[in-house]
N, C-alpha and C. Protein backbone atom coordinates (compact mmCIF):
# COMPACT_ATOMS: atom_id res chain seq x y z
N MET A 1 69.49 66.17 126.09
CA MET A 1 70.10 65.10 126.42
C MET A 1 71.33 65.38 127.51
N HIS A 2 71.30 65.63 128.90
CA HIS A 2 72.97 66.15 129.36
C HIS A 2 73.96 65.26 128.73
N PRO A 3 75.21 66.15 128.37
CA PRO A 3 76.45 65.05 127.72
C PRO A 3 76.46 63.93 128.62
N MET A 4 76.89 64.08 130.08
CA MET A 4 77.17 62.73 130.57
C MET A 4 76.15 61.77 130.30
N SER A 5 75.14 61.93 130.76
CA SER A 5 73.99 60.74 129.86
C SER A 5 74.26 60.32 128.64
N ARG A 6 74.60 61.09 127.79
CA ARG A 6 74.82 60.60 126.47
C ARG A 6 76.16 59.85 126.24
N HIS A 7 77.15 60.33 127.06
CA HIS A 7 78.29 59.49 127.03
C HIS A 7 78.19 57.77 127.93
N ILE A 8 77.18 57.81 128.80
CA ILE A 8 76.71 56.39 129.43
C ILE A 8 76.12 55.91 128.70
N ASP A 9 75.19 56.47 127.82
CA ASP A 9 74.27 55.53 126.95
C ASP A 9 74.98 55.33 125.80
N THR A 10 75.70 55.40 125.28
CA THR A 10 76.71 55.53 124.18
C THR A 10 77.96 54.32 124.54
N ARG A 11 78.23 54.34 125.42
CA ARG A 11 79.32 53.28 126.68
C ARG A 11 78.56 52.06 126.55
N ASN A 12 77.49 52.18 127.02
CA ASN A 12 76.17 51.03 127.37
C ASN A 12 76.13 50.60 126.10
N HIS A 13 75.55 51.40 125.23
CA HIS A 13 75.16 50.65 123.98
C HIS A 13 76.34 50.09 122.82
N LEU A 14 77.53 50.36 123.35
CA LEU A 14 78.56 49.50 122.70
C LEU A 14 78.68 48.40 123.38
N LEU A 15 78.37 48.19 124.81
CA LEU A 15 78.80 47.14 125.69
C LEU A 15 77.80 46.40 125.40
N ASP A 16 76.03 46.91 125.12
CA ASP A 16 75.24 45.93 124.70
C ASP A 16 75.67 45.03 123.44
N THR A 17 75.62 46.05 122.54
CA THR A 17 76.03 45.26 121.22
C THR A 17 76.92 44.28 121.02
N GLY A 18 78.33 44.92 121.39
CA GLY A 18 79.28 43.93 121.84
C GLY A 18 79.18 42.38 122.16
N SER A 19 78.50 42.82 123.26
CA SER A 19 78.28 41.31 124.20
C SER A 19 77.24 40.60 123.31
N GLN A 20 76.36 41.02 122.74
CA GLN A 20 75.45 40.03 121.74
C GLN A 20 75.96 39.45 120.87
N ILE A 21 76.93 40.31 120.02
CA ILE A 21 77.65 39.68 118.99
C ILE A 21 78.82 38.58 119.36
N ILE A 22 79.80 38.98 120.42
CA ILE A 22 80.28 38.21 120.71
C ILE A 22 80.07 36.76 121.41
N LEU A 23 79.00 36.99 122.05
CA LEU A 23 78.59 35.82 122.68
C LEU A 23 78.19 34.88 121.46
N GLY A 24 77.43 35.39 120.61
CA GLY A 24 77.28 34.57 119.81
C GLY A 24 78.66 33.84 118.91
N ARG A 25 79.22 34.97 118.70
CA ARG A 25 80.29 33.96 117.71
C ARG A 25 82.25 34.32 118.34
N GLY A 26 82.11 34.69 119.34
CA GLY A 26 83.68 35.17 120.02
C GLY A 26 84.29 36.01 120.25
N PHE A 27 85.27 36.35 121.03
CA PHE A 27 85.57 37.43 120.89
C PHE A 27 86.68 37.98 119.44
N SER A 28 87.51 37.09 119.64
CA SER A 28 88.62 36.93 118.43
C SER A 28 88.07 37.15 117.00
N ALA A 29 86.37 36.17 116.54
CA ALA A 29 86.02 36.66 115.38
C ALA A 29 85.49 37.60 115.10
N VAL A 30 85.43 38.59 116.11
CA VAL A 30 84.70 39.80 115.71
C VAL A 30 85.39 40.82 116.20
N GLY A 31 85.12 41.73 114.78
CA GLY A 31 86.19 43.05 114.50
C GLY A 31 85.66 44.42 115.00
N LEU A 32 86.15 45.28 115.52
CA LEU A 32 85.46 46.64 115.79
C LEU A 32 84.72 47.45 114.88
N ALA A 33 85.02 46.83 113.47
CA ALA A 33 84.41 47.32 112.59
C ALA A 33 82.78 46.74 112.45
N GLU A 34 82.67 45.48 113.11
CA GLU A 34 81.13 44.98 112.85
C GLU A 34 80.54 45.25 114.13
N ILE A 35 81.26 46.07 115.62
CA ILE A 35 80.28 46.30 116.44
C ILE A 35 80.08 47.75 115.87
N LEU A 36 81.13 48.60 115.56
CA LEU A 36 80.48 49.75 115.73
C LEU A 36 79.63 49.84 114.48
N GLY A 37 79.73 49.35 113.35
CA GLY A 37 78.92 49.24 112.13
C GLY A 37 77.29 48.39 113.08
N THR A 38 77.31 47.72 114.08
CA THR A 38 75.92 47.07 114.17
C THR A 38 75.33 48.43 115.52
N ALA A 39 76.29 49.19 116.08
CA ALA A 39 75.53 49.80 117.14
C ALA A 39 75.74 51.38 116.52
N GLU A 40 76.10 51.22 115.28
CA GLU A 40 76.02 52.83 114.51
C GLU A 40 76.76 53.85 115.14
N VAL A 41 77.49 53.39 115.67
CA VAL A 41 78.88 54.46 116.24
C VAL A 41 79.94 54.71 115.59
N PRO A 42 80.75 55.71 115.58
CA PRO A 42 81.70 55.87 114.58
C PRO A 42 83.12 55.70 115.53
N LYS A 43 84.29 55.40 114.79
CA LYS A 43 85.31 54.78 115.50
C LYS A 43 85.89 55.85 116.41
N GLY A 44 85.87 57.02 116.25
CA GLY A 44 86.43 57.98 117.06
C GLY A 44 85.80 57.78 118.34
N SER A 45 84.63 57.40 118.39
CA SER A 45 83.27 57.45 119.76
C SER A 45 83.94 56.39 120.41
N PHE A 46 84.17 55.30 119.87
CA PHE A 46 84.55 53.90 120.12
C PHE A 46 86.17 54.41 121.50
N TYR A 47 87.10 54.61 120.65
CA TYR A 47 88.31 54.89 121.26
C TYR A 47 88.33 56.10 122.32
N HIS A 48 87.00 57.04 122.39
CA HIS A 48 86.81 58.07 123.49
C HIS A 48 86.04 57.47 124.60
N TYR A 49 85.73 56.07 124.64
CA TYR A 49 85.82 55.17 126.08
C TYR A 49 86.46 54.00 126.31
N PHE A 50 87.09 53.59 125.04
CA PHE A 50 87.81 52.50 125.34
C PHE A 50 88.93 52.66 124.66
N ALA A 51 90.26 52.33 125.20
CA ALA A 51 91.72 52.58 124.89
C ALA A 51 91.82 51.23 123.72
N SER A 52 91.23 50.31 123.75
CA SER A 52 91.28 49.23 122.80
C SER A 52 90.18 48.34 122.57
N LYS A 53 90.67 47.08 121.62
CA LYS A 53 89.46 46.33 121.77
C LYS A 53 89.76 45.39 123.01
N GLU A 54 90.99 45.09 123.72
CA GLU A 54 91.45 44.20 124.80
C GLU A 54 90.55 45.37 125.97
N ALA A 55 90.73 46.77 125.99
CA ALA A 55 89.91 47.47 126.98
C ALA A 55 88.79 47.29 126.91
N PHE A 56 87.75 47.04 125.81
CA PHE A 56 86.41 46.79 125.35
C PHE A 56 86.21 45.61 126.43
N GLY A 57 86.69 44.60 126.27
CA GLY A 57 86.82 43.25 126.47
C GLY A 57 86.91 43.06 127.71
N VAL A 58 87.56 44.05 128.42
CA VAL A 58 87.69 43.74 130.14
C VAL A 58 86.38 44.26 130.41
N ALA A 59 85.79 45.69 130.11
CA ALA A 59 84.84 46.32 130.21
C ALA A 59 83.54 45.29 130.27
N MET A 60 83.35 44.81 129.18
CA MET A 60 81.99 43.75 128.83
C MET A 60 82.24 43.26 129.71
N LEU A 61 83.44 42.16 130.37
CA LEU A 61 83.39 41.35 131.49
C LEU A 61 83.19 41.48 132.85
N GLN A 62 83.67 42.72 133.11
CA GLN A 62 83.52 43.62 134.42
C GLN A 62 81.83 43.95 134.61
N ARG A 63 81.29 44.54 133.43
CA ARG A 63 79.65 44.49 133.50
C ARG A 63 79.04 43.60 133.56
N TYR A 64 79.29 42.71 132.72
CA TYR A 64 78.51 41.44 133.04
C TYR A 64 78.30 40.72 134.63
N PHE A 65 79.58 40.47 134.93
CA PHE A 65 79.72 40.05 136.00
C PHE A 65 78.84 41.03 137.37
N ALA A 66 79.26 42.25 137.26
CA ALA A 66 78.79 42.93 138.21
C ALA A 66 76.85 42.59 138.02
N GLU A 67 76.32 42.84 136.91
CA GLU A 67 74.77 42.17 136.75
C GLU A 67 74.74 40.61 137.09
N TYR A 68 75.67 40.10 136.69
CA TYR A 68 75.15 38.79 137.23
C TYR A 68 75.35 38.07 139.06
N LEU A 69 76.40 39.21 139.44
CA LEU A 69 76.26 38.86 141.07
C LEU A 69 75.25 39.73 141.45
N THR A 70 74.70 40.60 140.90
CA THR A 70 73.64 41.12 142.05
C THR A 70 72.47 40.25 141.69
N LEU A 71 72.18 39.55 140.15
CA LEU A 71 71.28 38.57 139.97
C LEU A 71 71.31 37.41 141.39
N LEU A 72 72.33 37.00 140.85
CA LEU A 72 72.85 35.79 141.57
C LEU A 72 72.67 35.79 143.46
N ARG A 73 73.06 37.54 143.80
CA ARG A 73 72.97 37.48 144.97
C ARG A 73 71.48 37.63 145.93
N GLN A 74 70.55 37.70 144.76
CA GLN A 74 69.16 38.13 145.17
C GLN A 74 68.32 36.65 144.96
N ARG A 75 68.88 36.21 144.24
CA ARG A 75 68.56 34.54 144.03
C ARG A 75 68.55 33.86 145.53
N LEU A 76 70.09 33.84 145.47
CA LEU A 76 70.60 33.04 146.87
C LEU A 76 70.14 33.23 148.14
N THR A 77 69.71 34.61 148.21
CA THR A 77 69.71 35.41 149.54
C THR A 77 68.23 35.76 149.82
N ARG A 78 67.03 35.25 149.24
CA ARG A 78 65.88 35.46 149.56
C ARG A 78 65.40 34.95 150.35
N GLU A 79 64.05 35.11 150.92
CA GLU A 79 64.17 34.28 152.41
C GLU A 79 63.10 32.63 152.14
N GLU A 80 62.36 32.82 150.96
CA GLU A 80 61.73 31.52 150.78
C GLU A 80 62.64 30.44 150.44
N GLY A 81 62.09 29.59 151.08
CA GLY A 81 62.63 28.29 150.84
C GLY A 81 64.22 27.93 151.63
N THR A 82 64.51 26.60 151.80
CA THR A 82 66.01 26.20 152.26
C THR A 82 67.26 26.78 151.69
N ALA A 83 68.37 26.99 151.93
CA ALA A 83 69.34 27.43 151.12
C ALA A 83 69.93 26.14 149.84
N HIS A 84 69.81 24.87 150.30
CA HIS A 84 69.75 23.90 149.61
C HIS A 84 68.53 24.18 148.31
N GLU A 85 67.33 24.43 148.72
CA GLU A 85 66.26 24.64 147.48
C GLU A 85 66.68 25.75 146.61
N ARG A 86 67.27 26.75 147.34
CA ARG A 86 67.59 28.19 146.87
C ARG A 86 69.06 27.54 145.55
N LEU A 87 69.58 27.10 146.22
CA LEU A 87 70.85 26.39 145.32
C LEU A 87 70.68 25.43 144.23
N LEU A 88 69.64 24.60 144.39
CA LEU A 88 69.44 23.96 143.50
C LEU A 88 68.80 24.66 142.14
N GLY A 89 67.51 25.45 143.07
CA GLY A 89 66.74 26.39 141.61
C GLY A 89 67.76 27.12 140.90
N TYR A 90 68.81 27.38 141.42
CA TYR A 90 69.87 28.47 140.51
C TYR A 90 70.46 27.56 139.10
N TYR A 91 70.63 26.26 139.82
CA TYR A 91 71.33 25.39 138.87
C TYR A 91 70.13 24.48 137.78
N GLN A 92 68.96 24.59 138.22
CA GLN A 92 68.13 24.23 137.30
C GLN A 92 67.64 25.39 136.67
N GLN A 93 68.04 26.51 137.18
CA GLN A 93 67.45 27.92 136.28
C GLN A 93 68.26 27.62 135.14
N TRP A 94 69.92 27.33 135.64
CA TRP A 94 71.22 27.41 134.48
C TRP A 94 70.90 26.23 133.24
N VAL A 95 70.25 25.39 133.52
CA VAL A 95 69.90 24.31 132.81
C VAL A 95 68.93 24.93 131.47
N ALA A 96 67.69 25.24 132.27
CA ALA A 96 66.61 26.13 131.40
C ALA A 96 67.63 27.34 130.49
N ASN A 97 68.39 28.40 131.32
CA ASN A 97 68.69 29.17 130.36
C ASN A 97 69.37 28.44 129.25
N HIS A 98 70.18 27.29 129.03
CA HIS A 98 70.96 26.97 128.25
C HIS A 98 70.13 26.12 126.90
N GLN A 99 68.84 26.02 127.74
CA GLN A 99 67.92 25.28 126.58
C GLN A 99 67.40 26.27 126.31
N ALA A 100 67.12 27.53 126.56
CA ALA A 100 66.61 28.65 125.67
C ALA A 100 67.55 29.28 125.11
N ASN A 101 68.60 29.04 125.28
CA ASN A 101 69.87 29.80 123.94
C ASN A 101 70.79 28.93 123.60
N CYS A 102 70.27 27.86 123.07
CA CYS A 102 70.76 26.62 122.78
C CYS A 102 71.55 26.90 120.89
N SER A 103 70.82 28.14 120.51
CA SER A 103 71.33 28.63 119.01
C SER A 103 72.09 29.11 119.16
N GLY A 104 73.24 29.40 120.33
CA GLY A 104 74.47 30.26 120.31
C GLY A 104 74.39 31.19 121.10
N GLY A 105 73.54 31.41 122.27
CA GLY A 105 73.52 32.30 123.47
C GLY A 105 74.19 31.52 124.61
N GLY A 106 73.81 32.28 125.76
CA GLY A 106 74.06 31.64 126.95
C GLY A 106 74.91 32.63 127.82
N CYS A 107 75.91 31.92 128.37
CA CYS A 107 76.90 32.50 129.27
C CYS A 107 78.38 33.09 128.64
N LEU A 108 78.66 34.52 128.96
CA LEU A 108 79.51 35.11 128.37
C LEU A 108 80.33 34.76 129.11
N ALA A 109 80.70 34.56 129.98
CA ALA A 109 81.98 33.95 131.07
C ALA A 109 82.44 32.60 130.62
N VAL A 110 81.37 31.63 130.47
CA VAL A 110 81.68 30.22 129.83
C VAL A 110 82.42 30.23 128.38
N LYS A 111 81.57 31.21 127.79
CA LYS A 111 82.08 31.53 125.90
C LYS A 111 83.63 32.11 125.79
N LEU A 112 84.03 32.78 126.83
CA LEU A 112 85.07 33.46 126.47
C LEU A 112 85.89 33.10 127.16
N SER A 113 86.30 32.18 128.35
CA SER A 113 86.68 31.74 129.62
C SER A 113 87.70 31.05 128.39
N GLY A 114 87.51 29.66 127.99
CA GLY A 114 88.94 29.25 127.15
C GLY A 114 89.03 29.84 125.88
N GLU A 115 88.74 30.92 125.18
CA GLU A 115 89.15 31.69 124.49
C GLU A 115 90.24 32.69 124.65
N VAL A 116 89.84 33.51 125.62
CA VAL A 116 90.90 34.48 125.63
C VAL A 116 91.96 34.31 127.05
N ALA A 117 91.61 33.19 127.76
CA ALA A 117 92.76 32.99 129.18
C ALA A 117 93.84 33.16 128.39
N ASP A 118 93.93 32.65 127.26
CA ASP A 118 95.44 32.63 127.04
C ASP A 118 96.00 33.75 125.88
N LEU A 119 95.17 34.33 125.59
CA LEU A 119 95.22 35.76 124.83
C LEU A 119 95.23 37.37 125.44
N SER A 120 94.79 37.23 126.67
CA SER A 120 94.65 38.43 127.24
C SER A 120 94.85 38.72 128.63
N GLU A 121 95.72 38.84 128.79
CA GLU A 121 95.94 38.89 130.48
C GLU A 121 94.93 40.01 131.26
N PRO A 122 94.55 40.91 130.89
CA PRO A 122 93.79 41.68 131.46
C PRO A 122 92.16 41.14 131.59
N MET A 123 92.03 40.60 130.40
CA MET A 123 90.46 39.91 130.34
C MET A 123 90.47 38.20 131.38
N ARG A 124 91.83 38.04 131.10
CA ARG A 124 91.96 36.38 132.13
C ARG A 124 91.65 37.21 133.61
N GLU A 125 91.87 38.20 133.99
CA GLU A 125 92.02 38.96 134.97
C GLU A 125 90.77 39.46 135.54
N ALA A 126 89.75 39.64 134.79
CA ALA A 126 88.35 40.29 134.81
C ALA A 126 87.55 38.80 135.03
N LEU A 127 87.86 37.62 134.36
CA LEU A 127 87.08 36.44 134.56
C LEU A 127 87.32 35.91 135.93
N ALA A 128 88.89 35.83 136.04
CA ALA A 128 88.85 35.07 137.50
C ALA A 128 88.37 36.19 138.59
N GLU A 129 88.34 37.23 138.44
CA GLU A 129 87.84 37.98 139.24
C GLU A 129 86.40 37.69 139.46
N GLY A 130 85.90 37.96 138.53
CA GLY A 130 84.06 37.81 138.71
C GLY A 130 84.02 36.28 139.09
N MET A 131 84.42 35.29 138.32
CA MET A 131 84.19 33.60 138.84
C MET A 131 84.56 33.75 140.37
N HIS A 132 85.26 34.30 141.07
CA HIS A 132 85.69 34.19 142.45
C HIS A 132 84.64 34.44 142.84
N GLY A 133 83.81 35.79 142.73
CA GLY A 133 82.68 36.45 142.94
C GLY A 133 81.65 35.66 142.75
N VAL A 134 81.16 34.76 141.88
CA VAL A 134 80.41 33.87 141.44
C VAL A 134 80.55 33.07 143.14
N CYS A 135 81.72 32.32 143.06
CA CYS A 135 82.20 31.06 143.95
C CYS A 135 81.49 31.56 145.40
N GLY A 136 82.32 32.99 145.79
CA GLY A 136 82.02 33.43 147.07
C GLY A 136 80.37 33.39 147.33
N LEU A 137 79.89 33.94 146.57
CA LEU A 137 77.87 34.02 146.81
C LEU A 137 77.53 32.94 146.94
N ILE A 138 78.26 31.53 146.31
CA ILE A 138 77.52 29.98 146.57
C ILE A 138 78.25 29.67 147.50
N ALA A 139 79.24 30.05 148.02
CA ALA A 139 80.05 29.33 148.97
C ALA A 139 79.13 30.02 150.66
N ASP A 140 78.82 31.40 150.51
CA ASP A 140 77.75 32.16 151.35
C ASP A 140 76.64 31.00 151.23
N CYS A 141 76.08 31.15 150.63
CA CYS A 141 74.71 29.96 150.31
C CYS A 141 74.88 28.87 150.82
N ILE A 142 76.10 27.87 150.58
CA ILE A 142 75.97 26.72 151.25
C ILE A 142 76.61 26.48 152.88
N ILE A 143 76.98 27.70 153.31
CA ILE A 143 77.18 27.96 155.00
C ILE A 143 76.16 28.07 155.24
N GLN A 144 75.24 29.04 155.05
CA GLN A 144 73.81 29.22 155.56
C GLN A 144 72.98 27.95 155.49
N GLY A 145 73.37 26.85 154.46
CA GLY A 145 72.62 25.71 154.38
C GLY A 145 73.24 24.76 155.39
N GLN A 146 74.38 24.59 155.28
CA GLN A 146 75.07 23.88 156.27
C GLN A 146 74.46 24.36 158.06
N GLN A 147 74.48 25.89 158.28
CA GLN A 147 74.01 25.88 159.88
C GLN A 147 72.43 25.68 159.54
N GLU A 148 71.64 25.72 158.79
CA GLU A 148 70.34 24.93 158.74
C GLU A 148 70.07 23.64 158.77
N GLY A 149 71.16 23.18 158.32
CA GLY A 149 71.13 21.46 158.37
C GLY A 149 70.62 21.13 156.94
N SER A 150 70.64 22.14 155.91
CA SER A 150 70.18 21.62 154.72
C SER A 150 70.73 20.83 153.54
N ILE A 151 72.13 21.50 154.04
CA ILE A 151 73.52 20.88 153.01
C ILE A 151 74.72 20.07 154.05
N THR A 152 74.94 19.62 153.24
CA THR A 152 76.15 18.54 153.82
C THR A 152 77.27 19.00 154.55
N THR A 153 77.98 19.08 155.61
CA THR A 153 78.70 19.47 156.08
C THR A 153 80.40 18.85 155.94
N ALA A 154 79.88 17.86 154.99
CA ALA A 154 81.25 17.27 155.00
C ALA A 154 82.34 17.70 153.87
N GLN A 155 82.21 18.82 153.27
CA GLN A 155 83.32 19.36 152.84
C GLN A 155 83.14 20.75 153.32
N ALA A 156 84.16 21.70 153.39
CA ALA A 156 84.22 22.85 153.86
C ALA A 156 83.50 24.16 152.55
N ALA A 157 82.70 24.66 152.66
CA ALA A 157 82.17 25.25 151.82
C ALA A 157 82.54 26.30 150.87
N PRO A 158 84.19 26.68 151.35
CA PRO A 158 84.40 27.55 149.70
C PRO A 158 84.86 26.26 148.81
N GLU A 159 85.23 25.22 149.34
CA GLU A 159 86.14 24.35 148.15
C GLU A 159 84.71 23.27 147.60
N LEU A 160 83.69 22.99 148.39
CA LEU A 160 82.50 22.86 147.56
C LEU A 160 82.19 23.69 146.77
N ALA A 161 81.94 25.05 146.76
CA ALA A 161 81.21 25.93 146.13
C ALA A 161 82.09 25.81 144.66
N ALA A 162 83.95 25.52 145.22
CA ALA A 162 84.42 25.78 143.75
C ALA A 162 84.59 24.50 142.95
N SER A 163 84.22 23.80 143.73
CA SER A 163 83.95 22.12 142.76
C SER A 163 82.35 22.40 142.23
N LEU A 164 81.39 22.60 143.02
CA LEU A 164 80.37 23.11 142.03
C LEU A 164 80.39 23.88 140.58
N TYR A 165 81.18 24.73 140.90
CA TYR A 165 81.39 25.96 139.73
C TYR A 165 82.10 25.43 138.48
N SER A 166 83.36 24.49 139.20
CA SER A 166 83.87 23.88 138.05
C SER A 166 83.17 22.85 137.27
N LEU A 167 82.27 22.39 138.34
CA LEU A 167 81.72 21.45 137.61
C LEU A 167 80.68 21.72 136.70
N TRP A 168 80.01 22.92 136.81
CA TRP A 168 78.93 23.79 136.15
C TRP A 168 79.45 24.26 134.91
N VAL A 169 80.86 24.88 135.03
CA VAL A 169 81.43 25.60 133.88
C VAL A 169 82.09 24.20 132.64
N GLY A 170 82.69 23.42 133.07
CA GLY A 170 82.99 22.36 132.31
C GLY A 170 81.57 21.47 131.75
N SER A 171 81.04 21.44 132.07
CA SER A 171 79.57 20.63 131.71
C SER A 171 78.91 22.07 130.84
N ALA A 172 79.02 23.00 130.94
CA ALA A 172 78.11 23.57 130.07
C ALA A 172 79.40 23.90 128.80
N LEU A 173 80.42 24.03 128.93
CA LEU A 173 81.29 23.91 127.76
C LEU A 173 81.29 22.19 126.94
N LEU A 174 81.28 21.13 128.08
CA LEU A 174 80.62 20.05 126.83
C LEU A 174 79.25 20.12 126.75
N SER A 175 78.33 20.94 127.03
CA SER A 175 77.06 21.07 126.58
C SER A 175 77.31 21.35 124.88
N LYS A 176 78.14 22.62 125.01
CA LYS A 176 78.27 23.17 123.67
C LYS A 176 78.49 22.77 122.54
N VAL A 177 79.56 21.84 123.05
CA VAL A 177 80.54 20.56 122.14
C VAL A 177 79.59 19.32 121.54
N GLN A 178 78.85 19.09 122.75
CA GLN A 178 78.16 17.69 122.22
C GLN A 178 76.70 18.48 121.72
N ARG A 179 76.27 19.71 121.63
CA ARG A 179 74.91 20.33 121.16
C ARG A 179 74.02 19.23 122.01
N SER A 180 74.33 18.94 123.59
CA SER A 180 72.95 18.12 124.06
C SER A 180 72.87 18.72 125.62
N LEU A 181 71.79 18.70 126.29
CA LEU A 181 71.93 19.05 127.51
C LEU A 181 72.27 18.40 128.72
N LEU A 182 72.79 17.03 128.16
CA LEU A 182 72.64 15.73 128.94
C LEU A 182 74.00 16.08 129.67
N PRO A 183 75.10 17.22 129.42
CA PRO A 183 76.29 16.99 130.74
C PRO A 183 75.38 18.36 131.70
N LEU A 184 74.48 19.07 131.29
CA LEU A 184 74.20 19.69 132.15
C LEU A 184 73.15 19.15 133.08
N GLN A 185 72.28 17.88 132.52
CA GLN A 185 71.65 17.60 133.49
C GLN A 185 72.25 16.07 134.58
N LEU A 186 73.45 15.89 133.84
CA LEU A 186 74.31 14.68 134.48
C LEU A 186 74.96 15.78 136.03
N ALA A 187 75.69 17.19 135.69
CA ALA A 187 75.42 17.79 136.24
C ALA A 187 74.66 18.23 137.79
N LEU A 188 73.48 18.57 136.92
CA LEU A 188 72.50 18.43 138.16
C LEU A 188 72.44 17.92 139.37
N GLN A 189 72.41 16.26 138.62
CA GLN A 189 72.27 14.91 139.37
C GLN A 189 73.42 14.88 140.11
N GLN A 190 74.55 15.22 139.62
CA GLN A 190 75.98 15.57 140.82
C GLN A 190 76.06 16.17 141.79
N THR A 191 75.06 17.44 141.54
CA THR A 191 75.29 18.94 142.23
C THR A 191 73.88 18.14 143.80
N ARG A 192 72.85 17.64 143.18
CA ARG A 192 72.12 17.15 144.23
C ARG A 192 72.82 16.02 145.17
N LEU A 193 73.67 15.49 144.59
CA LEU A 193 74.35 14.29 145.54
C LEU A 193 75.48 14.86 146.87
N LEU A 194 75.93 15.90 146.17
CA LEU A 194 76.97 17.04 146.47
C LEU A 194 76.80 17.88 147.79
N LEU A 195 75.71 18.13 147.59
CA LEU A 195 74.78 19.28 148.67
C LEU A 195 73.98 18.46 149.67
N GLN A 196 73.52 16.92 149.34
CA GLN A 196 72.71 16.34 149.71
C GLN A 196 72.89 16.60 151.86
N ALA A 197 72.23 16.60 152.59
CA ALA A 197 72.63 16.72 154.50
C ALA A 197 72.82 15.22 154.40
N PRO A 198 73.46 14.73 155.38
CA PRO A 198 73.43 13.35 155.66
C PRO A 198 72.25 12.88 156.23
C-alpha cells in the first residue's frame, strides 16, 4: 500500500471509530484510550494526525458536515417532484432515521451541539459553519419552491430555512429527552403548515 493511502486510511479509520463511539456516548464521556483501543491504533499515530482530542473533534465535525451536505444537496436538487415534496421528504426521512436509531445513534450535530458549544470554541465554530451550510441548502430549495409556487412566499427563504432548522434541532433534542417520536411528528406537522403555499 502506498504510504499516502495508509495515512488517509488510518486517519479515516480513527474518525469513523471515534464518530461511532461519540455518537453513542458524547464527546466528553469518551477518552482517547477508548477510541485508540477500539480502532487498534497506537497513541503516537493519533498525534501524527491530530494535535489534540479537540482537533480530532473539529475534524470529525468537518467530515460529518461535508458528507451530510453532499447527501442533502443530492436530495434537495434532484429533479423528481416539487421543491415542497423534496423538502417534506427530507424531514420525513429525519423522523425515520431517528426511529431507526432510537437506541442511541442519530445526528452527530444534534448530539454534540449542546455539549461542546461551551467547551470548545473550535468545535463550536465547526458546528456553526456546518449548520449554516445546511440552512443554506434548505433556503435554496425553498427559493425554488417559491418560484414554482409550491412553497409559501410569506417569509423570506433564509429566515424560513433558519426557523425550520431550529424547529428540527430542538425537536430532535426533545425527542431524545422524552424517548418519543412525538416531538418530531409535531415538527413535521408544523413544517407542513410553514411551507404550504397560499
